[in-house]
Amino acid sequence: MLATIMRYFWFFFCLSLLAACQPVKPWQRGSLASEQMQLYQGSLQSSLDDHVYFSKEAASGGYGVAAGGCGCN
């Protein structure tokens, strides 16, 4: 009985993972990049998080330009 329930659980779990993967068309990316879809909607929250990361890790940046950690751009 338990094995059957677990089999159904994993089947529906895998099915839901497959259903959640949707390719994004180029014309849909504008709506996904809107202000309402951002994780942090305000610049204050973003700057506070940057301050916390800098204080804890003694590192800043990493969100604008792709460069090495050694300082050699």
N, C-alpha and C. Protein backbone atom coordinates (compact mmCIF):
# COMPACT_ATOMS: atom_id res chain seq x y z
N MET A 1 0.83 -1.19 0.00
CA MET A 1 0.00 0.00 0.00
C MET A 1 0.88 1.26 0.00
N LEU A 2 1.86 1.28 0.89
CA LEU A 2 2.74 2.44 0.97
C LEU A 2 3.59 2.59 -0.29
N ALA A 3 4.01 1.47 -0.85
CA ALA A 3 4.81 1.51 -2.08
C ALA A 3 3.98 2.08 -3.22
N THR A 4 2.73 1.76 -3.28
CA THR A 4 1.86 2.30 -4.34
C THR A 4 1.68 3.80 -4.17
N ILE A 5 1.51 4.24 -2.96
CA ILE A 5 1.35 5.68 -2.70
C ILE A 5 2.62 6.42 -3.07
N MET A 6 3.77 5.86 -2.70
CA MET A 6 5.04 6.50 -3.04
C MET A 6 5.26 6.52 -4.55
N ARG A 7 4.86 5.47 -5.23
CA ARG A 7 5.00 5.43 -6.69
C ARG A 7 4.15 6.52 -7.33
N TYR A 8 2.92 6.69 -6.85
CA TYR A 8 2.06 7.75 -7.38
C TYR A 8 2.63 9.13 -7.04
N PHE A 9 3.16 9.27 -5.85
CA PHE A 9 3.76 10.54 -5.46
C PHE A 9 4.89 10.92 -6.40
N TRP A 10 5.83 9.98 -6.63
CA TRP A 10 6.97 10.28 -7.50
C TRP A 10 6.54 10.50 -8.94
N PHE A 11 5.52 9.77 -9.38
CA PHE A 11 5.02 9.98 -10.73
C PHE A 11 4.47 11.39 -10.90
N PHE A 12 3.64 11.84 -9.98
CA PHE A 12 3.06 13.19 -10.08
C PHE A 12 4.10 14.27 -9.81
N PHE A 13 5.07 13.96 -8.97
CA PHE A 13 6.16 14.92 -8.74
C PHE A 13 6.96 15.14 -10.01
N CYS A 14 7.35 14.06 -10.66
CA CYS A 14 8.11 14.19 -11.92
C CYS A 14 7.26 14.82 -13.01
N LEU A 15 6.01 14.52 -13.05
CA LEU A 15 5.11 15.12 -14.03
C LEU A 15 4.98 16.62 -13.80
N SER A 16 4.93 17.04 -12.55
CA SER A 16 4.84 18.48 -12.27
C SER A 16 6.13 19.19 -12.62
N LEU A 17 7.28 18.53 -12.47
CA LEU A 17 8.54 19.14 -12.88
C LEU A 17 8.60 19.33 -14.39
N LEU A 18 8.10 18.37 -15.12
CA LEU A 18 8.09 18.50 -16.58
C LEU A 18 7.11 19.58 -17.04
N ALA A 19 6.02 19.72 -16.34
CA ALA A 19 5.03 20.72 -16.72
C ALA A 19 5.50 22.13 -16.38
N ALA A 20 6.41 22.27 -15.42
CA ALA A 20 6.86 23.59 -15.01
C ALA A 20 7.92 24.16 -15.94
N CYS A 21 8.54 23.36 -16.76
CA CYS A 21 9.59 23.83 -17.67
C CYS A 21 8.95 24.34 -18.95
N GLN A 22 8.98 25.64 -19.11
CA GLN A 22 8.43 26.24 -20.31
C GLN A 22 9.47 27.14 -20.94
N PRO A 23 9.70 27.02 -22.22
CA PRO A 23 10.65 27.94 -22.87
C PRO A 23 10.03 29.34 -22.97
N VAL A 24 10.88 30.34 -22.83
CA VAL A 24 10.42 31.73 -22.89
C VAL A 24 10.72 32.27 -24.28
N LYS A 25 9.70 32.76 -24.93
CA LYS A 25 9.87 33.34 -26.26
C LYS A 25 10.52 34.71 -26.13
N PRO A 26 11.22 35.16 -27.16
CA PRO A 26 11.88 36.47 -27.09
C PRO A 26 10.92 37.62 -26.83
N TRP A 27 9.72 37.57 -27.34
CA TRP A 27 8.77 38.65 -27.12
C TRP A 27 8.12 38.59 -25.74
N GLN A 28 8.29 37.50 -25.00
CA GLN A 28 7.74 37.39 -23.65
C GLN A 28 8.74 37.88 -22.59
N ARG A 29 9.98 38.05 -22.96
CA ARG A 29 11.00 38.42 -21.99
C ARG A 29 10.81 39.83 -21.45
N GLY A 30 10.19 40.70 -22.22
CA GLY A 30 9.94 42.07 -21.75
C GLY A 30 9.02 42.08 -20.54
N SER A 31 7.98 41.25 -20.56
CA SER A 31 7.06 41.23 -19.41
C SER A 31 7.70 40.55 -18.20
N LEU A 32 8.60 39.59 -18.43
CA LEU A 32 9.28 38.94 -17.30
C LEU A 32 10.33 39.83 -16.67
N ALA A 33 10.84 40.81 -17.43
CA ALA A 33 11.86 41.71 -16.90
C ALA A 33 11.26 42.98 -16.30
N SER A 34 9.95 43.03 -16.15
CA SER A 34 9.32 44.23 -15.60
C SER A 34 9.65 44.38 -14.12
N GLU A 35 9.38 45.55 -13.60
CA GLU A 35 9.69 45.87 -12.20
C GLU A 35 8.93 44.96 -11.23
N GLN A 36 7.72 44.56 -11.58
CA GLN A 36 6.91 43.74 -10.69
C GLN A 36 7.42 42.31 -10.58
N MET A 37 8.19 41.85 -11.56
CA MET A 37 8.69 40.49 -11.55
C MET A 37 10.06 40.36 -10.90
N GLN A 38 10.64 41.47 -10.47
CA GLN A 38 11.96 41.44 -9.86
C GLN A 38 11.88 40.89 -8.44
N LEU A 39 12.96 40.28 -7.99
CA LEU A 39 13.00 39.74 -6.64
C LEU A 39 12.97 40.87 -5.62
N TYR A 40 13.80 41.88 -5.84
CA TYR A 40 13.82 43.06 -4.98
C TYR A 40 13.32 44.23 -5.81
N GLN A 41 12.19 44.79 -5.42
CA GLN A 41 11.58 45.83 -6.23
C GLN A 41 12.12 47.20 -5.91
N GLY A 42 12.74 47.37 -4.80
CA GLY A 42 13.23 48.69 -4.44
C GLY A 42 14.74 48.73 -4.40
N SER A 43 15.29 49.90 -4.67
CA SER A 43 16.73 50.04 -4.62
C SER A 43 17.23 50.05 -3.17
N LEU A 44 16.39 50.47 -2.24
CA LEU A 44 16.78 50.46 -0.83
C LEU A 44 17.03 49.03 -0.35
N GLN A 45 16.13 48.14 -0.66
CA GLN A 45 16.30 46.74 -0.26
C GLN A 45 17.55 46.15 -0.91
N SER A 46 17.77 46.47 -2.16
CA SER A 46 18.95 45.96 -2.86
C SER A 46 20.24 46.50 -2.25
N SER A 47 20.27 47.78 -1.91
CA SER A 47 21.48 48.35 -1.32
C SER A 47 21.72 47.81 0.09
N LEU A 48 20.65 47.55 0.85
CA LEU A 48 20.81 46.96 2.18
C LEU A 48 21.36 45.53 2.07
N ASP A 49 20.87 44.77 1.11
CA ASP A 49 21.39 43.42 0.92
C ASP A 49 22.85 43.44 0.49
N ASP A 50 23.22 44.38 -0.38
CA ASP A 50 24.61 44.51 -0.78
C ASP A 50 25.49 44.84 0.43
N HIS A 51 24.99 45.68 1.31
CA HIS A 51 25.75 46.03 2.51
C HIS A 51 25.94 44.82 3.41
N VAL A 52 24.90 44.02 3.57
CA VAL A 52 25.00 42.82 4.41
C VAL A 52 25.99 41.84 3.80
N TYR A 53 25.92 41.62 2.50
CA TYR A 53 26.85 40.70 1.85
C TYR A 53 28.28 41.20 1.97
N PHE A 54 28.48 42.50 1.80
CA PHE A 54 29.81 43.06 1.91
C PHE A 54 30.34 42.90 3.34
N SER A 55 29.48 43.13 4.32
CA SER A 55 29.91 43.04 5.72
C SER A 55 30.25 41.61 6.11
N LYS A 56 29.49 40.65 5.61
CA LYS A 56 29.71 39.27 6.01
C LYS A 56 30.82 38.60 5.21
N GLU A 57 30.95 38.93 3.94
CA GLU A 57 31.90 38.22 3.09
C GLU A 57 33.13 39.04 2.75
N ALA A 58 33.15 40.31 3.11
CA ALA A 58 34.25 41.22 2.78
C ALA A 58 34.49 41.26 1.29
N ALA A 59 33.40 41.23 0.53
CA ALA A 59 33.49 41.32 -0.93
C ALA A 59 32.29 42.10 -1.43
N SER A 60 32.51 42.90 -2.44
CA SER A 60 31.41 43.64 -3.02
C SER A 60 31.42 43.44 -4.52
N GLY A 61 30.31 43.75 -5.12
CA GLY A 61 30.20 43.63 -6.58
C GLY A 61 29.75 42.25 -6.98
N GLY A 62 30.08 41.89 -8.22
CA GLY A 62 29.67 40.59 -8.72
C GLY A 62 28.30 40.58 -9.36
N TYR A 63 27.72 41.73 -9.54
CA TYR A 63 26.39 41.78 -10.14
C TYR A 63 26.35 42.61 -11.41
N GLY A 64 27.47 43.17 -11.83
CA GLY A 64 27.43 44.02 -13.01
C GLY A 64 28.30 43.51 -14.14
N VAL A 65 29.58 43.38 -13.90
CA VAL A 65 30.53 43.03 -14.94
C VAL A 65 31.15 41.68 -14.63
N ALA A 66 31.28 40.87 -15.66
CA ALA A 66 31.93 39.58 -15.46
C ALA A 66 33.44 39.77 -15.42
N ALA A 67 34.03 39.48 -14.30
CA ALA A 67 35.48 39.64 -14.15
C ALA A 67 35.97 38.62 -13.14
N GLY A 68 37.26 38.48 -13.06
CA GLY A 68 37.84 37.53 -12.11
C GLY A 68 37.85 38.11 -10.70
N GLY A 69 38.02 37.26 -9.73
CA GLY A 69 38.04 37.70 -8.35
C GLY A 69 39.36 38.31 -7.94
N CYS A 70 40.37 38.22 -8.80
CA CYS A 70 41.69 38.72 -8.44
C CYS A 70 41.83 40.20 -8.75
N GLY A 71 40.87 40.80 -9.41
CA GLY A 71 40.95 42.22 -9.75
C GLY A 71 41.47 42.46 -11.16
N CYS A 72 41.80 41.43 -11.88
CA CYS A 72 42.28 41.61 -13.25
C CYS A 72 41.09 41.48 -14.20
N ASN A 73 40.56 42.59 -14.62
CA ASN A 73 39.39 42.58 -15.50
C ASN A 73 39.82 42.10 -16.84
